[in-house]
Amino acid sequence: DLTDLPGSGFGSEVTLWGQASERHGTALLSIDEVAHAAGTIGYEL
């Protein structure tokens, strides 16, 4: 969903889990949070 991200679009970096690249401030997305949403655990991912 890019609806509320007007500056993002074609070619934008998407971090599926882990750490965004330095140009985006090294924001973090826990692999555990992604796994939990999918009904599994970080180990499996």
PDB file of all heavy atoms in Angstrom:
ATOM      1  N   ASP A   1       0.838  -1.196   0.000  1.00  0.00           N
ATOM      2  CA  ASP A   1       0.000   0.000   0.000  1.00  0.00           C
ATOM      3  C   ASP A   1       0.877   1.252   0.000  1.00  0.00           C
ATOM      4  O   ASP A   1       1.607   1.511   0.952  1.00  0.00           O
ATOM      5  CB  ASP A   1      -0.897  -0.031   1.239  1.00  0.00           C
ATOM      6  CG  ASP A   1      -1.988   1.023   1.211  1.00  0.00           C
ATOM      7  OD1 ASP A   1      -1.934   1.913   0.338  1.00  0.00           O
ATOM      8  OD2 ASP A   1      -2.887   0.945   2.067  1.00  0.00           O
ATOM      9  N   LEU A   2       0.791   2.028  -1.088  1.00  0.00           N
ATOM     10  CA  LEU A   2       1.557   3.272  -1.208  1.00  0.00           C
ATOM     11  C   LEU A   2       0.676   4.510  -1.027  1.00  0.00           C
ATOM     12  O   LEU A   2       1.145   5.639  -1.213  1.00  0.00           O
ATOM     13  CB  LEU A   2       2.241   3.342  -2.579  1.00  0.00           C
ATOM     14  CG  LEU A   2       3.201   2.214  -2.946  1.00  0.00           C
ATOM     15  CD1 LEU A   2       3.749   2.435  -4.354  1.00  0.00           C
ATOM     16  CD2 LEU A   2       4.333   2.103  -1.940  1.00  0.00           C
ATOM     17  N   THR A   3      -0.574   4.300  -0.648  1.00  0.00           N
ATOM     18  CA  THR A   3      -1.538   5.394  -0.623  1.00  0.00           C
ATOM     19  C   THR A   3      -1.068   6.571   0.221  1.00  0.00           C
ATOM     20  O   THR A   3      -1.220   7.735  -0.171  1.00  0.00           O
ATOM     21  CB  THR A   3      -2.899   4.885  -0.109  1.00  0.00           C
ATOM     22  OG1 THR A   3      -3.279   3.719  -0.845  1.00  0.00           O
ATOM     23  CG2 THR A   3      -3.968   5.961  -0.252  1.00  0.00           C
ATOM     24  N   ASP A   4      -0.503   6.274   1.370  1.00  0.00           N
ATOM     25  CA  ASP A   4      -0.080   7.337   2.280  1.00  0.00           C
ATOM     26  C   ASP A   4       1.415   7.628   2.191  1.00  0.00           C
ATOM     27  O   ASP A   4       1.993   8.251   3.091  1.00  0.00           O
ATOM     28  CB  ASP A   4      -0.459   6.969   3.722  1.00  0.00           C
ATOM     29  CG  ASP A   4      -1.967   6.846   3.900  1.00  0.00           C
ATOM     30  OD1 ASP A   4      -2.697   7.633   3.263  1.00  0.00           O
ATOM     31  OD2 ASP A   4      -2.406   5.947   4.650  1.00  0.00           O
ATOM     32  N   LEU A   5       2.030   7.170   1.089  1.00  0.00           N
ATOM     33  CA  LEU A   5       3.458   7.413   0.862  1.00  0.00           C
ATOM     34  C   LEU A   5       3.633   8.088  -0.497  1.00  0.00           C
ATOM     35  O   LEU A   5       4.135   7.492  -1.448  1.00  0.00           O
ATOM     36  CB  LEU A   5       4.242   6.088   0.914  1.00  0.00           C
ATOM     37  CG  LEU A   5       4.134   5.254   2.191  1.00  0.00           C
ATOM     38  CD1 LEU A   5       4.890   3.945   2.039  1.00  0.00           C
ATOM     39  CD2 LEU A   5       4.653   6.030   3.400  1.00  0.00           C
ATOM     40  N   PRO A   6       3.230   9.337  -0.603  1.00  0.00           N
ATOM     41  CA  PRO A   6       3.230   9.992  -1.919  1.00  0.00           C
ATOM     42  C   PRO A   6       4.601  10.123  -2.558  1.00  0.00           C
ATOM     43  O   PRO A   6       4.715  10.221  -3.780  1.00  0.00           O
ATOM     44  CB  PRO A   6       2.630  11.377  -1.619  1.00  0.00           C
ATOM     45  CG  PRO A   6       2.851  11.580  -0.151  1.00  0.00           C
ATOM     46  CD  PRO A   6       2.737  10.228   0.466  1.00  0.00           C
ATOM     47  N   GLY A   7       5.653  10.101  -1.770  1.00  0.00           N
ATOM     48  CA  GLY A   7       6.992  10.218  -2.338  1.00  0.00           C
ATOM     49  C   GLY A   7       7.571   8.916  -2.835  1.00  0.00           C
ATOM     50  O   GLY A   7       8.674   8.894  -3.402  1.00  0.00           O
ATOM     51  N   SER A   8       6.866   7.835  -2.627  1.00  0.00           N
ATOM     52  CA  SER A   8       7.364   6.515  -3.020  1.00  0.00           C
ATOM     53  C   SER A   8       6.631   6.016  -4.249  1.00  0.00           C
ATOM     54  O   SER A   8       5.469   6.364  -4.482  1.00  0.00           O
ATOM     55  CB  SER A   8       7.186   5.514  -1.868  1.00  0.00           C
ATOM     56  OG  SER A   8       7.938   5.916  -0.733  1.00  0.00           O
ATOM     57  N   GLY A   9       7.311   5.193  -5.023  1.00  0.00           N
ATOM     58  CA  GLY A   9       6.697   4.671  -6.234  1.00  0.00           C
ATOM     59  C   GLY A   9       7.631   3.749  -6.970  1.00  0.00           C
ATOM     60  O   GLY A   9       8.374   2.970  -6.336  1.00  0.00           O
ATOM     61  N   PHE A  10       7.623   3.821  -8.294  1.00  0.00           N
ATOM     62  CA  PHE A  10       8.463   2.951  -9.107  1.00  0.00           C
ATOM     63  C   PHE A  10       9.927   3.063  -8.666  1.00  0.00           C
ATOM     64  O   PHE A  10      10.483   4.155  -8.544  1.00  0.00           O
ATOM     65  CB  PHE A  10       8.335   3.351 -10.580  1.00  0.00           C
ATOM     66  CG  PHE A  10       9.148   2.484 -11.502  1.00  0.00           C
ATOM     67  CD1 PHE A  10       8.666   1.277 -11.958  1.00  0.00           C
ATOM     68  CD2 PHE A  10      10.423   2.878 -11.897  1.00  0.00           C
ATOM     69  CE1 PHE A  10       9.425   0.472 -12.808  1.00  0.00           C
ATOM     70  CE2 PHE A  10      11.190   2.082 -12.737  1.00  0.00           C
ATOM     71  CZ  PHE A  10      10.686   0.872 -13.191  1.00  0.00           C
ATOM     72  N   GLY A  11      10.555   1.914  -8.400  1.00  0.00           N
ATOM     73  CA  GLY A  11      11.955   1.877  -8.008  1.00  0.00           C
ATOM     74  C   GLY A  11      12.213   2.062  -6.534  1.00  0.00           C
ATOM     75  O   GLY A  11      13.371   1.966  -6.092  1.00  0.00           O
ATOM     76  N   SER A  12      11.178   2.326  -5.746  1.00  0.00           N
ATOM     77  CA  SER A  12      11.382   2.515  -4.309  1.00  0.00           C
ATOM     78  C   SER A  12      11.879   1.229  -3.650  1.00  0.00           C
ATOM     79  O   SER A  12      11.505   0.116  -4.046  1.00  0.00           O
ATOM     80  CB  SER A  12      10.082   2.957  -3.630  1.00  0.00           C
ATOM     81  OG  SER A  12       9.790   4.296  -3.918  1.00  0.00           O
ATOM     82  N   GLU A  13      12.712   1.396  -2.632  1.00  0.00           N
ATOM     83  CA  GLU A  13      13.224   0.251  -1.873  1.00  0.00           C
ATOM     84  C   GLU A  13      12.148  -0.279  -0.929  1.00  0.00           C
ATOM     85  O   GLU A  13      11.510   0.488  -0.204  1.00  0.00           O
ATOM     86  CB  GLU A  13      14.448   0.663  -1.054  1.00  0.00           C
ATOM     87  CG  GLU A  13      14.994  -0.452  -0.180  1.00  0.00           C
ATOM     88  CD  GLU A  13      16.091   0.033   0.753  1.00  0.00           C
ATOM     89  OE1 GLU A  13      17.239   0.104   0.293  1.00  0.00           O
ATOM     90  OE2 GLU A  13      15.791   0.363   1.926  1.00  0.00           O
ATOM     91  N   VAL A  14      11.983  -1.597  -0.935  1.00  0.00           N
ATOM     92  CA  VAL A  14      11.043  -2.256  -0.040  1.00  0.00           C
ATOM     93  C   VAL A  14      11.827  -3.216   0.854  1.00  0.00           C
ATOM     94  O   VAL A  14      12.521  -4.108   0.351  1.00  0.00           O
ATOM     95  CB  VAL A  14       9.966  -3.025  -0.823  1.00  0.00           C
ATOM     96  CG1 VAL A  14       8.994  -3.705   0.136  1.00  0.00           C
ATOM     97  CG2 VAL A  14       9.225  -2.085  -1.765  1.00  0.00           C
ATOM     98  N   THR A  15      11.734  -3.025   2.161  1.00  0.00           N
ATOM     99  CA  THR A  15      12.375  -3.925   3.120  1.00  0.00           C
ATOM    100  C   THR A  15      11.319  -4.891   3.614  1.00  0.00           C
ATOM    101  O   THR A  15      10.368  -4.496   4.303  1.00  0.00           O
ATOM    102  CB  THR A  15      12.980  -3.137   4.295  1.00  0.00           C
ATOM    103  OG1 THR A  15      13.908  -2.172   3.789  1.00  0.00           O
ATOM    104  CG2 THR A  15      13.693  -4.072   5.258  1.00  0.00           C
ATOM    105  N   LEU A  16      11.478  -6.164   3.230  1.00  0.00           N
ATOM    106  CA  LEU A  16      10.513  -7.186   3.622  1.00  0.00           C
ATOM    107  C   LEU A  16      10.719  -7.611   5.068  1.00  0.00           C
ATOM    108  O   LEU A  16       9.758  -7.945   5.768  1.00  0.00           O
ATOM    109  CB  LEU A  16      10.615  -8.396   2.692  1.00  0.00           C
ATOM    110  CG  LEU A  16      10.095  -8.258   1.249  1.00  0.00           C
ATOM    111  CD1 LEU A  16       8.712  -7.632   1.203  1.00  0.00           C
ATOM    112  CD2 LEU A  16      11.044  -7.504   0.348  1.00  0.00           C
ATOM    113  N   TRP A  17      11.960  -7.648   5.492  1.00  0.00           N
ATOM    114  CA  TRP A  17      12.309  -7.785   6.913  1.00  0.00           C
ATOM    115  C   TRP A  17      13.748  -7.336   7.088  1.00  0.00           C
ATOM    116  O   TRP A  17      14.525  -7.294   6.135  1.00  0.00           O
ATOM    117  CB  TRP A  17      12.104  -9.205   7.442  1.00  0.00           C
ATOM    118  CG  TRP A  17      12.931 -10.292   6.821  1.00  0.00           C
ATOM    119  CD1 TRP A  17      14.277 -10.485   6.941  1.00  0.00           C
ATOM    120  CD2 TRP A  17      12.454 -11.384   6.015  1.00  0.00           C
ATOM    121  NE1 TRP A  17      14.677 -11.604   6.257  1.00  0.00           N
ATOM    122  CE2 TRP A  17      13.582 -12.186   5.681  1.00  0.00           C
ATOM    123  CE3 TRP A  17      11.188 -11.760   5.577  1.00  0.00           C
ATOM    124  CZ2 TRP A  17      13.466 -13.327   4.913  1.00  0.00           C
ATOM    125  CZ3 TRP A  17      11.079 -12.905   4.799  1.00  0.00           C
ATOM    126  CH2 TRP A  17      12.201 -13.676   4.467  1.00  0.00           C
ATOM    127  N   GLY A  18      14.074  -6.961   8.300  1.00  0.00           N
ATOM    128  CA  GLY A  18      15.439  -6.552   8.604  1.00  0.00           C
ATOM    129  C   GLY A  18      15.602  -5.048   8.618  1.00  0.00           C
ATOM    130  O   GLY A  18      14.739  -4.307   9.110  1.00  0.00           O
ATOM    131  N   GLN A  19      16.695  -4.586   8.066  1.00  0.00           N
ATOM    132  CA  GLN A  19      17.116  -3.195   8.166  1.00  0.00           C
ATOM    133  C   GLN A  19      17.092  -2.533   6.796  1.00  0.00           C
ATOM    134  O   GLN A  19      17.639  -3.069   5.832  1.00  0.00           O
ATOM    135  CB  GLN A  19      18.536  -3.145   8.746  1.00  0.00           C
ATOM    136  CG  GLN A  19      19.148  -1.780   8.857  1.00  0.00           C
ATOM    137  CD  GLN A  19      20.528  -1.858   9.489  1.00  0.00           C
ATOM    138  OE1 GLN A  19      20.676  -2.100  10.678  1.00  0.00           O
ATOM    139  NE2 GLN A  19      21.555  -1.656   8.684  1.00  0.00           N
ATOM    140  N   ALA A  20      16.451  -1.370   6.715  1.00  0.00           N
ATOM    141  CA  ALA A  20      16.484  -0.605   5.475  1.00  0.00           C
ATOM    142  C   ALA A  20      17.899  -0.106   5.227  1.00  0.00           C
ATOM    143  O   ALA A  20      18.732  -0.043   6.136  1.00  0.00           O
ATOM    144  CB  ALA A  20      15.505   0.567   5.552  1.00  0.00           C
ATOM    145  N   SER A  21      18.190   0.253   3.993  1.00  0.00           N
ATOM    146  CA  SER A  21      19.533   0.739   3.675  1.00  0.00           C
ATOM    147  C   SER A  21      19.790   2.088   4.347  1.00  0.00           C
ATOM    148  O   SER A  21      18.862   2.780   4.781  1.00  0.00           O
ATOM    149  CB  SER A  21      19.711   0.854   2.161  1.00  0.00           C
ATOM    150  OG  SER A  21      18.779   1.772   1.626  1.00  0.00           O
ATOM    151  N   GLU A  22      21.050   2.471   4.407  1.00  0.00           N
ATOM    152  CA  GLU A  22      21.441   3.662   5.150  1.00  0.00           C
ATOM    153  C   GLU A  22      20.766   4.925   4.631  1.00  0.00           C
ATOM    154  O   GLU A  22      20.496   5.851   5.397  1.00  0.00           O
ATOM    155  CB  GLU A  22      22.964   3.828   5.109  1.00  0.00           C
ATOM    156  CG  GLU A  22      23.710   2.798   5.938  1.00  0.00           C
ATOM    157  CD  GLU A  22      25.199   3.056   5.962  1.00  0.00           C
ATOM    158  OE1 GLU A  22      25.634   4.051   5.340  1.00  0.00           O
ATOM    159  OE2 GLU A  22      25.920   2.270   6.599  1.00  0.00           O
ATOM    160  N   ARG A  23      20.494   4.998   3.346  1.00  0.00           N
ATOM    161  CA  ARG A  23      19.874   6.215   2.818  1.00  0.00           C
ATOM    162  C   ARG A  23      18.462   6.415   3.337  1.00  0.00           C
ATOM    163  O   ARG A  23      17.878   7.491   3.179  1.00  0.00           O
ATOM    164  CB  ARG A  23      19.868   6.180   1.283  1.00  0.00           C
ATOM    165  CG  ARG A  23      19.014   5.103   0.649  1.00  0.00           C
ATOM    166  CD  ARG A  23      19.118   5.188  -0.877  1.00  0.00           C
ATOM    167  NE  ARG A  23      18.356   4.154  -1.548  1.00  0.00           N
ATOM    168  CZ  ARG A  23      18.798   2.926  -1.794  1.00  0.00           C
ATOM    169  NH1 ARG A  23      20.020   2.577  -1.399  1.00  0.00           N
ATOM    170  NH2 ARG A  23      18.037   2.050  -2.426  1.00  0.00           N
ATOM    171  N   HIS A  24      17.909   5.380   3.983  1.00  0.00           N
ATOM    172  CA  HIS A  24      16.587   5.507   4.592  1.00  0.00           C
ATOM    173  C   HIS A  24      16.664   5.455   6.113  1.00  0.00           C
ATOM    174  O   HIS A  24      15.691   5.097   6.788  1.00  0.00           O
ATOM    175  CB  HIS A  24      15.658   4.416   4.073  1.00  0.00           C
ATOM    176  CG  HIS A  24      15.436   4.479   2.591  1.00  0.00           C
ATOM    177  ND1 HIS A  24      14.923   5.595   1.965  1.00  0.00           N
ATOM    178  CD2 HIS A  24      15.693   3.586   1.603  1.00  0.00           C
ATOM    179  CE1 HIS A  24      14.854   5.386   0.664  1.00  0.00           C
ATOM    180  NE2 HIS A  24      15.322   4.179   0.412  1.00  0.00           N
ATOM    181  N   GLY A  25      17.825   5.783   6.647  1.00  0.00           N
ATOM    182  CA  GLY A  25      17.980   5.905   8.095  1.00  0.00           C
ATOM    183  C   GLY A  25      18.076   4.604   8.847  1.00  0.00           C
ATOM    184  O   GLY A  25      17.905   4.568  10.061  1.00  0.00           O
ATOM    185  N   THR A  26      18.358   3.515   8.128  1.00  0.00           N
ATOM    186  CA  THR A  26      18.471   2.180   8.740  1.00  0.00           C
ATOM    187  C   THR A  26      17.267   1.856   9.622  1.00  0.00           C
ATOM    188  O   THR A  26      17.415   1.337  10.738  1.00  0.00           O
ATOM    189  CB  THR A  26      19.791   2.016   9.524  1.00  0.00           C
ATOM    190  OG1 THR A  26      19.826   2.980  10.592  1.00  0.00           O
ATOM    191  CG2 THR A  26      20.995   2.206   8.620  1.00  0.00           C
ATOM    192  N   ALA A  27      16.068   2.185   9.146  1.00  0.00           N
ATOM    193  CA  ALA A  27      14.846   1.785   9.849  1.00  0.00           C
ATOM    194  C   ALA A  27      14.790   0.267   9.947  1.00  0.00           C
ATOM    195  O   ALA A  27      15.300  -0.450   9.075  1.00  0.00           O
ATOM    196  CB  ALA A  27      13.625   2.315   9.096  1.00  0.00           C
ATOM    197  N   LEU A  28      14.163  -0.246  10.988  1.00  0.00           N
ATOM    198  CA  LEU A  28      14.137  -1.682  11.251  1.00  0.00           C
ATOM    199  C   LEU A  28      12.725  -2.238  11.161  1.00  0.00           C
ATOM    200  O   LEU A  28      11.761  -1.606  11.598  1.00  0.00           O
ATOM    201  CB  LEU A  28      14.694  -1.988  12.638  1.00  0.00           C
ATOM    202  CG  LEU A  28      16.176  -1.701  12.891  1.00  0.00           C
ATOM    203  CD1 LEU A  28      16.514  -1.953  14.356  1.00  0.00           C
ATOM    204  CD2 LEU A  28      17.036  -2.567  11.986  1.00  0.00           C
ATOM    205  N   LEU A  29      12.623  -3.440  10.607  1.00  0.00           N
ATOM    206  CA  LEU A  29      11.398  -4.223  10.627  1.00  0.00           C
ATOM    207  C   LEU A  29      11.774  -5.628  11.083  1.00  0.00           C
ATOM    208  O   LEU A  29      12.474  -6.360  10.371  1.00  0.00           O
ATOM    209  CB  LEU A  29      10.749  -4.274   9.243  1.00  0.00           C
ATOM    210  CG  LEU A  29       9.511  -5.178   9.120  1.00  0.00           C
ATOM    211  CD1 LEU A  29       8.397  -4.716  10.053  1.00  0.00           C
ATOM    212  CD2 LEU A  29       9.024  -5.232   7.667  1.00  0.00           C
ATOM    213  N   SER A  30      11.335  -5.985  12.255  1.00  0.00           N
ATOM    214  CA  SER A  30      11.697  -7.279  12.828  1.00  0.00           C
ATOM    215  C   SER A  30      11.173  -8.432  11.994  1.00  0.00           C
ATOM    216  O   SER A  30       9.998  -8.463  11.609  1.00  0.00           O
ATOM    217  CB  SER A  30      11.127  -7.373  14.253  1.00  0.00           C
ATOM    218  OG  SER A  30      11.138  -8.697  14.723  1.00  0.00           O
ATOM    219  N   ILE A  31      12.032  -9.404  11.726  1.00  0.00           N
ATOM    220  CA  ILE A  31      11.600 -10.609  11.036  1.00  0.00           C
ATOM    221  C   ILE A  31      10.538 -11.344  11.842  1.00  0.00           C
ATOM    222  O   ILE A  31       9.646 -11.989  11.290  1.00  0.00           O
ATOM    223  CB  ILE A  31      12.808 -11.529  10.733  1.00  0.00           C
ATOM    224  CG1 ILE A  31      12.417 -12.617   9.737  1.00  0.00           C
ATOM    225  CG2 ILE A  31      13.387 -12.123  12.013  1.00  0.00           C
ATOM    226  CD1 ILE A  31      13.604 -13.443   9.247  1.00  0.00           C
ATOM    227  N   ASP A  32      10.595 -11.190  13.165  1.00  0.00           N
ATOM    228  CA  ASP A  32       9.611 -11.844  14.023  1.00  0.00           C
ATOM    229  C   ASP A  32       8.219 -11.251  13.816  1.00  0.00           C
ATOM    230  O   ASP A  32       7.218 -11.966  13.869  1.00  0.00           O
ATOM    231  CB  ASP A  32      10.024 -11.698  15.491  1.00  0.00           C
ATOM    232  CG  ASP A  32      11.366 -12.316  15.784  1.00  0.00           C
ATOM    233  OD1 ASP A  32      11.583 -13.466  15.371  1.00  0.00           O
ATOM    234  OD2 ASP A  32      12.206 -11.658  16.417  1.00  0.00           O
ATOM    235  N   GLU A  33       8.145  -9.945  13.593  1.00  0.00           N
ATOM    236  CA  GLU A  33       6.851  -9.305  13.373  1.00  0.00           C
ATOM    237  C   GLU A  33       6.230  -9.787  12.065  1.00  0.00           C
ATOM    238  O   GLU A  33       5.025 -10.055  11.986  1.00  0.00           O
ATOM    239  CB  GLU A  33       7.020  -7.788  13.365  1.00  0.00           C
ATOM    240  CG  GLU A  33       5.710  -7.033  13.328  1.00  0.00           C
ATOM    241  CD  GLU A  33       5.877  -5.525  13.390  1.00  0.00           C
ATOM    242  OE1 GLU A  33       7.029  -5.050  13.531  1.00  0.00           O
ATOM    243  OE2 GLU A  33       4.848  -4.821  13.289  1.00  0.00           O
ATOM    244  N   VAL A  34       7.046  -9.901  11.028  1.00  0.00           N
ATOM    245  CA  VAL A  34       6.556 -10.405   9.748  1.00  0.00           C
ATOM    246  C   VAL A  34       6.092 -11.855   9.901  1.00  0.00           C
ATOM    247  O   VAL A  34       5.010 -12.243   9.439  1.00  0.00           O
ATOM    248  CB  VAL A  34       7.647 -10.297   8.672  1.00  0.00           C
ATOM    249  CG1 VAL A  34       7.172 -10.880   7.345  1.00  0.00           C
ATOM    250  CG2 VAL A  34       8.083  -8.842   8.503  1.00  0.00           C
ATOM    251  N   ALA A  35       6.908 -12.665  10.546  1.00  0.00           N
ATOM    252  CA  ALA A  35       6.557 -14.074  10.734  1.00  0.00           C
ATOM    253  C   ALA A  35       5.279 -14.222  11.552  1.00  0.00           C
ATOM    254  O   ALA A  35       4.413 -15.047  11.234  1.00  0.00           O
ATOM    255  CB  ALA A  35       7.715 -14.802  11.410  1.00  0.00           C
ATOM    256  N   HIS A  36       5.154 -13.430  12.595  1.00  0.00           N
ATOM    257  CA  HIS A  36       3.969 -13.502  13.453  1.00  0.00           C
ATOM    258  C   HIS A  36       2.707 -13.189  12.653  1.00  0.00           C
ATOM    259  O   HIS A  36       1.680 -13.858  12.797  1.00  0.00           O
ATOM    260  CB  HIS A  36       4.127 -12.531  14.620  1.00  0.00           C
ATOM    261  CG  HIS A  36       3.037 -12.609  15.641  1.00  0.00           C
ATOM    262  ND1 HIS A  36       2.882 -13.680  16.485  1.00  0.00           N
ATOM    263  CD2 HIS A  36       2.041 -11.728  15.953  1.00  0.00           C
ATOM    264  CE1 HIS A  36       1.840 -13.477  17.287  1.00  0.00           C
ATOM    265  NE2 HIS A  36       1.309 -12.294  16.975  1.00  0.00           N
ATOM    266  N   ALA A  37       2.779 -12.189  11.791  1.00  0.00           N
ATOM    267  CA  ALA A  37       1.628 -11.837  10.957  1.00  0.00           C
ATOM    268  C   ALA A  37       1.241 -12.989  10.041  1.00  0.00           C
ATOM    269  O   ALA A  37       0.060 -13.178   9.729  1.00  0.00           O
ATOM    270  CB  ALA A  37       1.940 -10.597  10.131  1.00  0.00           C
ATOM    271  N   ALA A  38       2.241 -13.773   9.614  1.00  0.00           N
ATOM    272  CA  ALA A  38       2.002 -14.899   8.705  1.00  0.00           C
ATOM    273  C   ALA A  38       1.710 -16.199   9.445  1.00  0.00           C
ATOM    274  O   ALA A  38       1.567 -17.255   8.810  1.00  0.00           O
ATOM    275  CB  ALA A  38       3.205 -15.086   7.793  1.00  0.00           C
ATOM    276  N   GLY A  39       1.652 -16.150  10.767  1.00  0.00           N
ATOM    277  CA  GLY A  39       1.335 -17.343  11.535  1.00  0.00           C
ATOM    278  C   GLY A  39       2.480 -18.314  11.671  1.00  0.00           C
ATOM    279  O   GLY A  39       2.270 -19.513  11.876  1.00  0.00           O
ATOM    280  N   THR A  40       3.715 -17.809  11.610  1.00  0.00           N
ATOM    281  CA  THR A  40       4.871 -18.686  11.771  1.00  0.00           C
ATOM    282  C   THR A  40       5.906 -17.992  12.655  1.00  0.00           C
ATOM    283  O   THR A  40       5.563 -17.093  13.422  1.00  0.00           O
ATOM    284  CB  THR A  40       5.448 -19.091  10.397  1.00  0.00           C
ATOM    285  OG1 THR A  40       6.493 -20.041  10.588  1.00  0.00           O
ATOM    286  CG2 THR A  40       5.947 -17.902   9.598  1.00  0.00           C
ATOM    287  N   ILE A  41       7.149 -18.419  12.577  1.00  0.00           N
ATOM    288  CA  ILE A  41       8.213 -17.865  13.411  1.00  0.00           C
ATOM    289  C   ILE A  41       9.377 -17.430  12.536  1.00  0.00           C
ATOM    290  O   ILE A  41       9.538 -17.897  11.410  1.00  0.00           O
ATOM    291  CB  ILE A  41       8.686 -18.894  14.465  1.00  0.00           C
ATOM    292  CG1 ILE A  41       9.106 -20.207  13.802  1.00  0.00           C
ATOM    293  CG2 ILE A  41       7.609 -19.131  15.504  1.00  0.00           C
ATOM    294  CD1 ILE A  41       9.660 -21.244  14.764  1.00  0.00           C
ATOM    295  N   GLY A  42      10.188 -16.530  13.085  1.00  0.00           N
ATOM    296  CA  GLY A  42      11.317 -16.002  12.330  1.00  0.00           C
ATOM    297  C   GLY A  42      12.268 -17.075  11.839  1.00  0.00           C
ATOM    298  O   GLY A  42      12.849 -16.946  10.752  1.00  0.00           O
ATOM    299  N   TYR A  43      12.437 -18.146  12.596  1.00  0.00           N
ATOM    300  CA  TYR A  43      13.303 -19.250  12.192  1.00  0.00           C
ATOM    301  C   TYR A  43      12.954 -19.728  10.777  1.00  0.00           C
ATOM    302  O   TYR A  43      13.816 -19.960   9.944  1.00  0.00           O
ATOM    303  CB  TYR A  43      13.126 -20.465  13.109  1.00  0.00           C
ATOM    304  CG  TYR A  43      13.353 -20.331  14.574  1.00  0.00           C
ATOM    305  CD1 TYR A  43      12.557 -19.519  15.368  1.00  0.00           C
ATOM    306  CD2 TYR A  43      14.343 -21.081  15.202  1.00  0.00           C
ATOM    307  CE1 TYR A  43      12.740 -19.442  16.742  1.00  0.00           C
ATOM    308  CE2 TYR A  43      14.527 -21.033  16.573  1.00  0.00           C
ATOM    309  CZ  TYR A  43      13.727 -20.204  17.346  1.00  0.00           C
ATOM    310  OH  TYR A  43      13.911 -20.145  18.699  1.00  0.00           O
ATOM    311  N   GLU A  44      11.644 -19.910  10.554  1.00  0.00           N
ATOM    312  CA  GLU A  44      11.209 -20.475   9.275  1.00  0.00           C
ATOM    313  C   GLU A  44      11.522 -19.532   8.121  1.00  0.00           C
ATOM    314  O   GLU A  44      11.946 -19.967   7.047  1.00  0.00           O
ATOM    315  CB  GLU A  44       9.718 -20.799   9.303  1.00  0.00           C
ATOM    316  CG  GLU A  44       9.245 -21.482   8.031  1.00  0.00           C
ATOM    317  CD  GLU A  44       7.795 -21.919   8.081  1.00  0.00           C
ATOM    318  OE1 GLU A  44       7.052 -21.499   8.988  1.00  0.00           O
ATOM    319  OE2 GLU A  44       7.397 -22.692   7.189  1.00  0.00           O
ATOM    320  N   LEU A  45      11.306 -18.234   8.327  1.00  0.00           N
ATOM    321  CA  LEU A  45      11.581 -17.289   7.256  1.00  0.00           C
ATOM    322  C   LEU A  45      13.062 -17.263   6.909  1.00  0.00           C
ATOM    323  O   LEU A  45      13.434 -17.236   5.733  1.00  0.00           O
ATOM    324  CB  LEU A  45      11.104 -15.883   7.640  1.00  0.00           C
ATOM    325  CG  LEU A  45       9.615 -15.713   7.937  1.00  0.00           C
ATOM    326  CD1 LEU A  45       9.254 -14.230   7.977  1.00  0.00           C
ATOM    327  CD2 LEU A  45       8.741 -16.438   6.935  1.00  0.00           C
TER     328      LEU A  45
END
